Amino acid sequence: MKNSNGNGILYASFTAFLWGFLAIAIKVAVNDIPPVTVVWFRFFTAFVLLGIWTLIFRKNDFSIFRKPPWMLFVAGLFLGLNYLGFISGINDVSPSASQIFIQIGPVSFAIAGIIVFKERVNWKHILGFLMVITGIGLFYSEQISELIGSEGKYTLGMVFILGGGLSWATFASLQKKLVQTYSPNQLNLFIYGLCATLFLPFVSFAKFPGLVTGDWLLLSFLGLNTVLAYGSLALAIKYTQATTVSVIITLNPVLTFVIMAILSQTDVSWIEKESFSLLSIVGALTVLGGALIVILAGRINKRPKIEAEL
């Protein structure tokens, strides 16, 4: 049990590390490539790479395509909506801001841990929820006050990202149930194939001939990021609690902030520099702090039960 929990923590940490770079890479990609095309390429690349690996090492996993459960279709749909919501929103907000708003995802996943997985709720959960809502409101209002002429776009971008976060929470909750019956490899293989098929009619293939080497490298990184991050996430969800996974991946915005802070001090031209007021920073820290309180409160409540089982 302890070894499995430790492995789950390592898998979740690797996912958080990869996601720390993700928002920045997507922000750069959508400058030259339509968002839906980027989403499709990520799923298509992930499906091909994972399909080749499965064909070599786990051929029996293809059996999931014979009679997939209905819940798997729903999980795939919500992951597709998560990708689409996040990439649509990041057009109008910065990578760091997108990482703040997307935290509604792991917090909602923690709420699902309370409702679906029967974790107890206490005053710490309530405090954390209020902090998240307050922090998002403070961060948003401060950012809007510094924008001139693009307030509407920023608001729309925020709404898209929040919707993407809620979609991810739904996906993760369904994945938590499905992984008890099916292997993570089976689930990811089917979901990647399903989403690649769903987005196929909306792909701008005419854009591909005009892409330069840097664009192809960026798209390849995004596709590989999908395979590795969600493969690790599925294993993390399988081996440890939903609350533990959530608390770890909630920390990935810290890496994004650090990277963007470094880039903002350089002369790079391929991404817009970021600057945050003191109130924006306070709002961001409030969101992250509230998210951690919510998730850790669930973890603490469940610990006695786990120790009893051991």
C-alpha atoms as a PDB file:
ATOM      1  CA  MET A   1       0.000   0.000   0.000  1.00  0.00           C
ATOM      2  CA  LYS A   2       2.749   2.439   0.985  1.00  0.00           C
ATOM      3  CA  ASN A   3       4.803   1.694  -2.135  1.00  0.00           C
ATOM      4  CA  SER A   4       1.744   2.163  -4.341  1.00  0.00           C
ATOM      5  CA  ASN A   5       0.974   5.505  -2.682  1.00  0.00           C
ATOM      6  CA  GLY A   6       4.577   6.642  -3.183  1.00  0.00           C
ATOM      7  CA  ASN A   7       4.440   5.694  -6.846  1.00  0.00           C
ATOM      8  CA  GLY A   8       1.196   7.615  -7.214  1.00  0.00           C
ATOM      9  CA  ILE A   9       2.842  10.732  -5.757  1.00  0.00           C
ATOM     10  CA  LEU A  10       5.761  10.425  -8.191  1.00  0.00           C
ATOM     11  CA  TYR A  11       3.418  10.044 -11.155  1.00  0.00           C
ATOM     12  CA  ALA A  12       1.365  13.068 -10.057  1.00  0.00           C
ATOM     13  CA  SER A  13       4.554  15.138  -9.596  1.00  0.00           C
ATOM     14  CA  PHE A  14       5.716  14.289 -13.117  1.00  0.00           C
ATOM     15  CA  THR A  15       2.317  15.367 -14.471  1.00  0.00           C
ATOM     16  CA  ALA A  16       2.561  18.682 -12.600  1.00  0.00           C
ATOM     17  CA  PHE A  17       6.062  19.249 -13.990  1.00  0.00           C
ATOM     18  CA  LEU A  18       4.921  18.719 -17.580  1.00  0.00           C
ATOM     19  CA  TRP A  19       1.853  20.912 -17.103  1.00  0.00           C
ATOM     20  CA  GLY A  20       4.059  23.707 -15.772  1.00  0.00           C
ATOM     21  CA  PHE A  21       5.422  24.154 -19.313  1.00  0.00           C
ATOM     22  CA  LEU A  22       2.150  23.426 -21.096  1.00  0.00           C
ATOM     23  CA  ALA A  23       0.417  26.821 -20.905  1.00  0.00           C
ATOM     24  CA  ILE A  24       3.489  28.588 -22.272  1.00  0.00           C
ATOM     25  CA  ALA A  25       3.868  26.163 -25.168  1.00  0.00           C
ATOM     26  CA  ILE A  26       0.176  26.427 -26.062  1.00  0.00           C
ATOM     27  CA  LYS A  27       0.275  30.240 -25.906  1.00  0.00           C
ATOM     28  CA  VAL A  28       3.102  30.250 -28.443  1.00  0.00           C
ATOM     29  CA  ALA A  29       1.476  27.614 -30.664  1.00  0.00           C
ATOM     30  CA  VAL A  30      -1.834  29.438 -31.108  1.00  0.00           C
ATOM     31  CA  ASN A  31      -0.030  32.470 -32.510  1.00  0.00           C
ATOM     32  CA  ASP A  32       0.367  30.639 -35.833  1.00  0.00           C
ATOM     33  CA  ILE A  33      -1.955  27.628 -35.642  1.00  0.00           C
ATOM     34  CA  PRO A  34      -5.756  27.551 -35.101  1.00  0.00           C
ATOM     35  CA  PRO A  35      -6.634  26.299 -31.584  1.00  0.00           C
ATOM     36  CA  VAL A  36      -8.779  23.359 -32.743  1.00  0.00           C
ATOM     37  CA  THR A  37      -5.976  22.204 -35.035  1.00  0.00           C
ATOM     38  CA  VAL A  38      -3.537  22.233 -32.109  1.00  0.00           C
ATOM     39  CA  VAL A  39      -5.994  20.250 -29.989  1.00  0.00           C
ATOM     40  CA  TRP A  40      -6.506  17.675 -32.733  1.00  0.00           C
ATOM     41  CA  PHE A  41      -2.765  17.306 -33.316  1.00  0.00           C
ATOM     42  CA  ARG A  42      -2.171  16.701 -29.620  1.00  0.00           C
ATOM     43  CA  PHE A  43      -4.762  13.935 -29.475  1.00  0.00           C
ATOM     44  CA  PHE A  44      -3.752  12.437 -32.833  1.00  0.00           C
ATOM     45  CA  THR A  45      -0.048  12.339 -31.904  1.00  0.00           C
ATOM     46  CA  ALA A  46      -0.858  10.889 -28.502  1.00  0.00           C
ATOM     47  CA  PHE A  47      -3.060   8.201 -30.065  1.00  0.00           C
ATOM     48  CA  VAL A  48      -0.408   7.213 -32.629  1.00  0.00           C
ATOM     49  CA  LEU A  49       2.451   7.067 -30.121  1.00  0.00           C
ATOM     50  CA  LEU A  50       0.455   5.218 -27.492  1.00  0.00           C
ATOM     51  CA  GLY A  51      -1.026   2.945 -30.173  1.00  0.00           C
ATOM     52  CA  ILE A  52       2.445   1.908 -31.369  1.00  0.00           C
ATOM     53  CA  TRP A  53       3.577   1.241 -27.804  1.00  0.00           C
ATOM     54  CA  THR A  54       0.414  -0.758 -27.115  1.00  0.00           C
ATOM     55  CA  LEU A  55       0.807  -2.772 -30.306  1.00  0.00           C
ATOM     56  CA  ILE A  56       4.303  -3.790 -29.238  1.00  0.00           C
ATOM     57  CA  PHE A  57       3.829  -4.381 -25.508  1.00  0.00           C
ATOM     58  CA  ARG A  58       0.102  -4.669 -24.674  1.00  0.00           C
ATOM     59  CA  LYS A  59      -1.867  -5.876 -27.698  1.00  0.00           C
ATOM     60  CA  ASN A  60      -4.754  -7.062 -25.558  1.00  0.00           C
ATOM     61  CA  ASP A  61      -5.478  -3.451 -24.556  1.00  0.00           C
ATOM     62  CA  PHE A  62      -7.027  -2.872 -27.991  1.00  0.00           C
ATOM     63  CA  SER A  63      -9.953  -4.977 -26.770  1.00  0.00           C
ATOM     64  CA  ILE A  64     -11.377  -1.801 -25.196  1.00  0.00           C
ATOM     65  CA  PHE A  65     -12.540  -0.764 -28.685  1.00  0.00           C
ATOM     66  CA  ARG A  66     -14.836  -3.817 -28.990  1.00  0.00           C
ATOM     67  CA  LYS A  67     -17.275  -2.801 -26.283  1.00  0.00           C
ATOM     68  CA  PRO A  68     -16.249   0.405 -24.531  1.00  0.00           C
ATOM     69  CA  PRO A  69     -18.351   1.451 -21.523  1.00  0.00           C
ATOM     70  CA  TRP A  70     -20.608   4.470 -21.979  1.00  0.00           C
ATOM     71  CA  MET A  71     -18.819   6.253 -19.146  1.00  0.00           C
ATOM     72  CA  LEU A  72     -15.617   6.164 -21.198  1.00  0.00           C
ATOM     73  CA  PHE A  73     -17.317   8.054 -24.052  1.00  0.00           C
ATOM     74  CA  VAL A  74     -18.434  10.721 -21.575  1.00  0.00           C
ATOM     75  CA  ALA A  75     -14.951  10.954 -20.019  1.00  0.00           C
ATOM     76  CA  GLY A  76     -13.408  11.406 -23.470  1.00  0.00           C
ATOM     77  CA  LEU A  77     -15.926  14.098 -24.361  1.00  0.00           C
ATOM     78  CA  PHE A  78     -15.145  16.087 -21.218  1.00  0.00           C
ATOM     79  CA  LEU A  79     -11.386  15.800 -21.716  1.00  0.00           C
ATOM     80  CA  GLY A  80     -11.897  17.132 -25.241  1.00  0.00           C
ATOM     81  CA  LEU A  81     -13.904  20.039 -23.816  1.00  0.00           C
ATOM     82  CA  ASN A  82     -11.117  20.672 -21.296  1.00  0.00           C
ATOM     83  CA  TYR A  83      -8.515  20.938 -24.060  1.00  0.00           C
ATOM     84  CA  LEU A  84     -10.757  23.128 -26.193  1.00  0.00           C
ATOM     85  CA  GLY A  85     -11.762  25.423 -23.333  1.00  0.00           C
ATOM     86  CA  PHE A  86      -8.202  25.943 -22.134  1.00  0.00           C
ATOM     87  CA  ILE A  87      -6.698  26.611 -25.552  1.00  0.00           C
ATOM     88  CA  SER A  88      -9.573  28.915 -26.548  1.00  0.00           C
ATOM     89  CA  GLY A  89      -9.165  30.924 -23.360  1.00  0.00           C
ATOM     90  CA  ILE A  90      -5.394  31.211 -23.512  1.00  0.00           C
ATOM     91  CA  ASN A  91      -5.780  33.240 -26.706  1.00  0.00           C
ATOM     92  CA  ASP A  92      -6.945  36.146 -24.554  1.00  0.00           C
ATOM     93  CA  VAL A  93      -5.148  35.666 -21.228  1.00  0.00           C
ATOM     94  CA  SER A  94      -1.515  35.122 -20.273  1.00  0.00           C
ATOM     95  CA  PRO A  95      -0.023  31.693 -19.448  1.00  0.00           C
ATOM     96  CA  SER A  96       0.241  32.563 -15.753  1.00  0.00           C
ATOM     97  CA  ALA A  97      -3.328  33.896 -15.598  1.00  0.00           C
ATOM     98  CA  SER A  98      -4.630  30.794 -17.333  1.00  0.00           C
ATOM     99  CA  GLN A  99      -2.925  28.662 -14.695  1.00  0.00           C
ATOM    100  CA  ILE A 100      -4.730  30.592 -11.960  1.00  0.00           C
ATOM    101  CA  PHE A 101      -8.191  30.211 -13.495  1.00  0.00           C
ATOM    102  CA  ILE A 102      -7.705  26.537 -14.387  1.00  0.00           C
ATOM    103  CA  GLN A 103      -7.266  25.741 -10.680  1.00  0.00           C
ATOM    104  CA  ILE A 104     -11.036  25.440 -10.532  1.00  0.00           C
ATOM    105  CA  GLY A 105     -10.329  21.983 -12.004  1.00  0.00           C
ATOM    106  CA  PRO A 106      -8.409  20.304  -9.158  1.00  0.00           C
ATOM    107  CA  VAL A 107     -10.568  22.096  -6.585  1.00  0.00           C
ATOM    108  CA  SER A 108     -13.707  20.721  -8.248  1.00  0.00           C
ATOM    109  CA  PHE A 109     -12.048  17.297  -8.363  1.00  0.00           C
ATOM    110  CA  ALA A 110     -11.550  17.561  -4.621  1.00  0.00           C
ATOM    111  CA  ILE A 111     -15.231  18.431  -4.258  1.00  0.00           C
ATOM    112  CA  ALA A 112     -16.011  15.295  -6.248  1.00  0.00           C
ATOM    113  CA  GLY A 113     -13.846  13.418  -3.760  1.00  0.00           C
ATOM    114  CA  ILE A 114     -16.207  14.611  -1.046  1.00  0.00           C
ATOM    115  CA  ILE A 115     -19.447  13.943  -2.943  1.00  0.00           C
ATOM    116  CA  VAL A 116     -18.592  10.850  -4.985  1.00  0.00           C
ATOM    117  CA  PHE A 117     -15.784   9.213  -2.990  1.00  0.00           C
ATOM    118  CA  LYS A 118     -17.429   9.976   0.380  1.00  0.00           C
ATOM    119  CA  GLU A 119     -14.704  12.115   1.931  1.00  0.00           C
ATOM    120  CA  ARG A 120     -15.991  14.195   4.847  1.00  0.00           C
ATOM    121  CA  VAL A 121     -16.420  17.955   4.611  1.00  0.00           C
ATOM    122  CA  ASN A 122     -15.450  20.376   7.394  1.00  0.00           C
ATOM    123  CA  TRP A 123     -14.767  24.069   7.953  1.00  0.00           C
ATOM    124  CA  LYS A 124     -11.413  23.828   6.172  1.00  0.00           C
ATOM    125  CA  HIS A 125     -13.154  22.877   2.937  1.00  0.00           C
ATOM    126  CA  ILE A 126     -15.532  25.808   3.273  1.00  0.00           C
ATOM    127  CA  LEU A 127     -12.663  28.200   4.029  1.00  0.00           C
ATOM    128  CA  GLY A 128     -10.718  26.911   1.047  1.00  0.00           C
ATOM    129  CA  PHE A 129     -13.700  27.269  -1.310  1.00  0.00           C
ATOM    130  CA  LEU A 130     -14.206  30.859  -0.182  1.00  0.00           C
ATOM    131  CA  MET A 131     -10.503  31.619  -0.647  1.00  0.00           C
ATOM    132  CA  VAL A 132     -10.520  30.231  -4.188  1.00  0.00           C
ATOM    133  CA  ILE A 133     -13.584  32.267  -5.157  1.00  0.00           C
ATOM    134  CA  THR A 134     -12.204  35.407  -3.494  1.00  0.00           C
ATOM    135  CA  GLY A 135      -8.769  34.950  -5.047  1.00  0.00           C
ATOM    136  CA  ILE A 136     -10.137  34.454  -8.558  1.00  0.00           C
ATOM    137  CA  GLY A 137     -12.349  37.523  -8.143  1.00  0.00           C
ATOM    138  CA  LEU A 138      -9.461  39.639  -6.851  1.00  0.00           C
ATOM    139  CA  PHE A 139      -7.050  38.449  -9.537  1.00  0.00           C
ATOM    140  CA  TYR A 140      -9.622  38.993 -12.288  1.00  0.00           C
ATOM    141  CA  SER A 141     -10.695  42.455 -11.117  1.00  0.00           C
ATOM    142  CA  GLU A 142      -7.104  43.644 -10.776  1.00  0.00           C
ATOM    143  CA  GLN A 143      -6.150  42.333 -14.214  1.00  0.00           C
ATOM    144  CA  ILE A 144      -9.224  43.949 -15.797  1.00  0.00           C
ATOM    145  CA  SER A 145      -8.386  47.315 -14.225  1.00  0.00           C
ATOM    146  CA  GLU A 146      -5.023  47.259 -16.046  1.00  0.00           C
ATOM    147  CA  LEU A 147      -6.496  46.403 -19.458  1.00  0.00           C
ATOM    148  CA  ILE A 148      -7.679  49.035 -21.895  1.00  0.00           C
ATOM    149  CA  GLY A 149      -9.934  48.055 -24.769  1.00  0.00           C
ATOM    150  CA  SER A 150      -9.652  44.281 -24.334  1.00  0.00           C
ATOM    151  CA  GLU A 151     -11.695  43.699 -21.187  1.00  0.00           C
ATOM    152  CA  GLY A 152     -14.352  41.726 -23.065  1.00  0.00           C
ATOM    153  CA  LYS A 153     -11.809  39.357 -24.600  1.00  0.00           C
ATOM    154  CA  TYR A 154     -10.117  38.789 -21.251  1.00  0.00           C
ATOM    155  CA  THR A 155     -13.446  37.971 -19.613  1.00  0.00           C
ATOM    156  CA  LEU A 156     -14.337  35.553 -22.393  1.00  0.00           C
ATOM    157  CA  GLY A 157     -10.935  33.916 -22.088  1.00  0.00           C
ATOM    158  CA  MET A 158     -11.432  33.501 -18.356  1.00  0.00           C
ATOM    159  CA  VAL A 159     -14.856  31.913 -18.883  1.00  0.00           C
ATOM    160  CA  PHE A 160     -13.433  29.457 -21.428  1.00  0.00           C
ATOM    161  CA  ILE A 161     -10.656  28.420 -19.033  1.00  0.00           C
ATOM    162  CA  LEU A 162     -13.006  28.036 -16.069  1.00  0.00           C
ATOM    163  CA  GLY A 163     -15.239  25.867 -18.247  1.00  0.00           C
ATOM    164  CA  GLY A 164     -12.196  23.841 -19.254  1.00  0.00           C
ATOM    165  CA  GLY A 165     -11.291  23.365 -15.595  1.00  0.00           C
ATOM    166  CA  LEU A 166     -14.772  22.105 -14.701  1.00  0.00           C
ATOM    167  CA  SER A 167     -14.652  19.759 -17.692  1.00  0.00           C
ATOM    168  CA  TRP A 168     -11.336  18.366 -16.467  1.00  0.00           C
ATOM    169  CA  ALA A 169     -12.781  17.746 -13.001  1.00  0.00           C
ATOM    170  CA  THR A 170     -15.613  15.739 -14.576  1.00  0.00           C
ATOM    171  CA  PHE A 171     -13.135  13.765 -16.686  1.00  0.00           C
ATOM    172  CA  ALA A 172     -10.876  13.029 -13.707  1.00  0.00           C
ATOM    173  CA  SER A 173     -13.815  11.878 -11.569  1.00  0.00           C
ATOM    174  CA  LEU A 174     -14.966   9.473 -14.290  1.00  0.00           C
ATOM    175  CA  GLN A 175     -11.380   8.313 -14.792  1.00  0.00           C
ATOM    176  CA  LYS A 176     -11.120   7.567 -11.067  1.00  0.00           C
ATOM    177  CA  LYS A 177     -14.041   5.160 -11.404  1.00  0.00           C
ATOM    178  CA  LEU A 178     -13.031   3.631 -14.729  1.00  0.00           C
ATOM    179  CA  VAL A 179      -9.440   2.923 -13.679  1.00  0.00           C
ATOM    180  CA  GLN A 180     -10.765   0.456 -11.091  1.00  0.00           C
ATOM    181  CA  THR A 181     -11.918  -1.808 -13.927  1.00  0.00           C
ATOM    182  CA  TYR A 182      -9.752  -0.944 -16.928  1.00  0.00           C
ATOM    183  CA  SER A 183      -6.034  -0.282 -17.258  1.00  0.00           C
ATOM    184  CA  PRO A 184      -4.910   3.352 -17.606  1.00  0.00           C
ATOM    185  CA  ASN A 185      -3.364   2.463 -20.960  1.00  0.00           C
ATOM    186  CA  GLN A 186      -6.692   1.196 -22.300  1.00  0.00           C
ATOM    187  CA  LEU A 187      -8.561   4.274 -21.135  1.00  0.00           C
ATOM    188  CA  ASN A 188      -6.063   6.754 -22.563  1.00  0.00           C
ATOM    189  CA  LEU A 189      -5.774   4.911 -25.861  1.00  0.00           C
ATOM    190  CA  PHE A 190      -9.529   4.991 -26.381  1.00  0.00           C
ATOM    191  CA  ILE A 191      -9.927   8.615 -25.241  1.00  0.00           C
ATOM    192  CA  TYR A 192      -7.131   9.870 -27.504  1.00  0.00           C
ATOM    193  CA  GLY A 193      -8.637   8.073 -30.488  1.00  0.00           C
ATOM    194  CA  LEU A 194     -12.145   9.313 -29.687  1.00  0.00           C
ATOM    195  CA  CYS A 195     -11.069  12.958 -29.313  1.00  0.00           C
ATOM    196  CA  ALA A 196      -8.875  12.859 -32.429  1.00  0.00           C
ATOM    197  CA  THR A 197     -11.913  11.613 -34.358  1.00  0.00           C
ATOM    198  CA  LEU A 198     -14.288  14.196 -32.880  1.00  0.00           C
ATOM    199  CA  PHE A 199     -12.019  17.146 -33.734  1.00  0.00           C
ATOM    200  CA  LEU A 200     -10.989  15.857 -37.184  1.00  0.00           C
ATOM    201  CA  PRO A 201     -13.739  17.683 -39.168  1.00  0.00           C
ATOM    202  CA  PHE A 202     -12.592  21.040 -37.762  1.00  0.00           C
ATOM    203  CA  VAL A 203      -8.853  20.742 -38.526  1.00  0.00           C
ATOM    204  CA  SER A 204      -7.268  23.370 -40.810  1.00  0.00           C
ATOM    205  CA  PHE A 205      -4.999  21.049 -42.786  1.00  0.00           C
ATOM    206  CA  ALA A 206      -4.169  23.899 -45.181  1.00  0.00           C
ATOM    207  CA  LYS A 207      -2.047  25.412 -42.401  1.00  0.00           C
ATOM    208  CA  PHE A 208       0.373  22.487 -42.202  1.00  0.00           C
ATOM    209  CA  PRO A 209       2.411  23.143 -45.403  1.00  0.00           C
ATOM    210  CA  GLY A 210       3.258  26.651 -44.153  1.00  0.00           C
ATOM    211  CA  LEU A 211       4.585  25.558 -40.769  1.00  0.00           C
ATOM    212  CA  VAL A 212       8.285  26.003 -40.079  1.00  0.00           C
ATOM    213  CA  THR A 213      10.560  23.641 -38.169  1.00  0.00           C
ATOM    214  CA  GLY A 214       9.925  25.450 -34.889  1.00  0.00           C
ATOM    215  CA  ASP A 215       6.160  24.990 -35.284  1.00  0.00           C
ATOM    216  CA  TRP A 216       6.537  21.264 -35.874  1.00  0.00           C
ATOM    217  CA  LEU A 217       8.833  20.898 -32.867  1.00  0.00           C
ATOM    218  CA  LEU A 218       6.316  22.760 -30.722  1.00  0.00           C
ATOM    219  CA  LEU A 219       3.419  20.608 -31.907  1.00  0.00           C
ATOM    220  CA  SER A 220       5.480  17.471 -31.316  1.00  0.00           C
ATOM    221  CA  PHE A 221       6.239  18.623 -27.766  1.00  0.00           C
ATOM    222  CA  LEU A 222       2.531  19.216 -27.108  1.00  0.00           C
ATOM    223  CA  GLY A 223       1.640  15.773 -28.423  1.00  0.00           C
ATOM    224  CA  LEU A 224       4.355  14.082 -26.357  1.00  0.00           C
ATOM    225  CA  ASN A 225       3.320  16.133 -23.335  1.00  0.00           C
ATOM    226  CA  THR A 226      -0.200  14.735 -23.696  1.00  0.00           C
ATOM    227  CA  VAL A 227       1.000  11.118 -23.773  1.00  0.00           C
ATOM    228  CA  LEU A 228       3.359  11.427 -20.833  1.00  0.00           C
ATOM    229  CA  ALA A 229       1.285  13.749 -18.618  1.00  0.00           C
ATOM    230  CA  TYR A 230      -2.011  11.890 -18.909  1.00  0.00           C
ATOM    231  CA  GLY A 231      -0.335   8.502 -18.750  1.00  0.00           C
ATOM    232  CA  SER A 232       1.225   9.563 -15.462  1.00  0.00           C
ATOM    233  CA  LEU A 233      -2.039  11.122 -14.285  1.00  0.00           C
ATOM    234  CA  ALA A 234      -3.982   7.918 -14.893  1.00  0.00           C
ATOM    235  CA  LEU A 235      -1.429   5.941 -12.903  1.00  0.00           C
ATOM    236  CA  ALA A 236      -1.430   8.543 -10.128  1.00  0.00           C
ATOM    237  CA  ILE A 237      -5.219   8.379  -9.852  1.00  0.00           C
ATOM    238  CA  LYS A 238      -5.015   4.591  -9.731  1.00  0.00           C
ATOM    239  CA  TYR A 239      -2.381   4.378  -6.992  1.00  0.00           C
ATOM    240  CA  THR A 240      -3.307   7.217  -4.637  1.00  0.00           C
ATOM    241  CA  GLN A 241      -6.222   9.344  -3.441  1.00  0.00           C
ATOM    242  CA  ALA A 242      -7.979  11.928  -5.589  1.00  0.00           C
ATOM    243  CA  THR A 243      -7.105  14.530  -2.951  1.00  0.00           C
ATOM    244  CA  THR A 244      -3.397  13.696  -3.008  1.00  0.00           C
ATOM    245  CA  VAL A 245      -3.265  13.885  -6.796  1.00  0.00           C
ATOM    246  CA  SER A 246      -5.094  17.214  -6.721  1.00  0.00           C
ATOM    247  CA  VAL A 247      -2.794  18.852  -4.188  1.00  0.00           C
ATOM    248  CA  ILE A 248       0.282  17.969  -6.235  1.00  0.00           C
ATOM    249  CA  ILE A 249      -0.991  19.121  -9.609  1.00  0.00           C
ATOM    250  CA  THR A 250      -2.309  22.324  -8.034  1.00  0.00           C
ATOM    251  CA  LEU A 251       1.321  23.365  -7.576  1.00  0.00           C
ATOM    252  CA  ASN A 252       2.147  23.355 -11.308  1.00  0.00           C
ATOM    253  CA  PRO A 253       1.329  27.099 -11.745  1.00  0.00           C
ATOM    254  CA  VAL A 254       4.355  27.889  -9.562  1.00  0.00           C
ATOM    255  CA  LEU A 255       6.624  26.520 -12.300  1.00  0.00           C
ATOM    256  CA  THR A 256       4.729  28.495 -14.949  1.00  0.00           C
ATOM    257  CA  PHE A 257       5.127  31.712 -12.945  1.00  0.00           C
ATOM    258  CA  VAL A 258       8.864  31.119 -12.495  1.00  0.00           C
ATOM    259  CA  ILE A 259       9.428  30.431 -16.196  1.00  0.00           C
ATOM    260  CA  MET A 260       7.390  33.458 -17.266  1.00  0.00           C
ATOM    261  CA  ALA A 261       9.247  35.648 -14.761  1.00  0.00           C
ATOM    262  CA  ILE A 262      12.555  34.560 -16.298  1.00  0.00           C
ATOM    263  CA  LEU A 263      11.307  35.073 -19.853  1.00  0.00           C
ATOM    264  CA  SER A 264       9.952  38.510 -18.966  1.00  0.00           C
ATOM    265  CA  GLN A 265      13.464  39.578 -17.984  1.00  0.00           C
ATOM    266  CA  THR A 266      14.898  38.529 -21.343  1.00  0.00           C
ATOM    267  CA  ASP A 267      14.525  39.894 -24.861  1.00  0.00           C
ATOM    268  CA  VAL A 268      12.491  37.012 -26.307  1.00  0.00           C
ATOM    269  CA  SER A 269       9.960  38.106 -28.917  1.00  0.00           C
ATOM    270  CA  TRP A 270       8.015  34.874 -29.328  1.00  0.00           C
ATOM    271  CA  ILE A 271       5.864  35.391 -26.225  1.00  0.00           C
ATOM    272  CA  GLU A 272       4.407  38.494 -24.615  1.00  0.00           C
ATOM    273  CA  LYS A 273       5.999  39.558 -21.368  1.00  0.00           C
ATOM    274  CA  GLU A 274       3.962  39.461 -18.161  1.00  0.00           C
ATOM    275  CA  SER A 275       3.767  41.863 -15.258  1.00  0.00           C
ATOM    276  CA  PHE A 276       1.531  41.579 -12.204  1.00  0.00           C
ATOM    277  CA  SER A 277       0.577  44.133  -9.596  1.00  0.00           C
ATOM    278  CA  LEU A 278       0.832  43.354  -5.899  1.00  0.00           C
ATOM    279  CA  LEU A 279      -2.935  42.762  -5.705  1.00  0.00           C
ATOM    280  CA  SER A 280      -2.756  40.340  -8.631  1.00  0.00           C
ATOM    281  CA  ILE A 281      -0.049  38.386  -6.854  1.00  0.00           C
ATOM    282  CA  VAL A 282      -2.120  38.372  -3.646  1.00  0.00           C
ATOM    283  CA  GLY A 283      -5.108  37.088  -5.626  1.00  0.00           C
ATOM    284  CA  ALA A 284      -3.017  34.339  -7.221  1.00  0.00           C
ATOM    285  CA  LEU A 285      -1.603  33.240  -3.888  1.00  0.00           C
ATOM    286  CA  THR A 286      -5.103  33.267  -2.389  1.00  0.00           C
ATOM    287  CA  VAL A 287      -6.350  30.943  -5.142  1.00  0.00           C
ATOM    288  CA  LEU A 288      -3.452  28.522  -4.690  1.00  0.00           C
ATOM    289  CA  GLY A 289      -3.697  28.682  -0.906  1.00  0.00           C
ATOM    290  CA  GLY A 290      -7.436  28.037  -0.970  1.00  0.00           C
ATOM    291  CA  ALA A 291      -6.995  25.135  -3.368  1.00  0.00           C
ATOM    292  CA  LEU A 292      -4.366  23.568  -1.134  1.00  0.00           C
ATOM    293  CA  ILE A 293      -6.556  23.966   1.960  1.00  0.00           C
ATOM    294  CA  VAL A 294      -9.505  22.283   0.220  1.00  0.00           C
ATOM    295  CA  ILE A 295      -7.422  19.379  -0.994  1.00  0.00           C
ATOM    296  CA  LEU A 296      -5.382  18.879   2.156  1.00  0.00           C
ATOM    297  CA  ALA A 297      -8.529  19.022   4.283  1.00  0.00           C
ATOM    298  CA  GLY A 298      -9.879  16.055   2.349  1.00  0.00           C
ATOM    299  CA  ARG A 299      -6.588  14.228   2.687  1.00  0.00           C
ATOM    300  CA  ILE A 300      -6.433  14.760   6.449  1.00  0.00           C
ATOM    301  CA  ASN A 301     -10.009  13.561   6.922  1.00  0.00           C
ATOM    302  CA  LYS A 302      -9.360  10.376   5.047  1.00  0.00           C
ATOM    303  CA  ARG A 303      -6.045   9.506   6.666  1.00  0.00           C
ATOM    304  CA  PRO A 304      -7.443   7.709   9.763  1.00  0.00           C
ATOM    305  CA  LYS A 305      -9.477   5.402   7.535  1.00  0.00           C
ATOM    306  CA  ILE A 306      -6.441   4.499   5.451  1.00  0.00           C
ATOM    307  CA  GLU A 307      -4.303   3.815   8.493  1.00  0.00           C
ATOM    308  CA  ALA A 308      -7.028   1.556   9.870  1.00  0.00           C
ATOM    309  CA  GLU A 309      -7.043  -0.417   6.634  1.00  0.00           C
ATOM    310  CA  LEU A 310      -3.284  -0.826   6.810  1.00  0.00           C
END
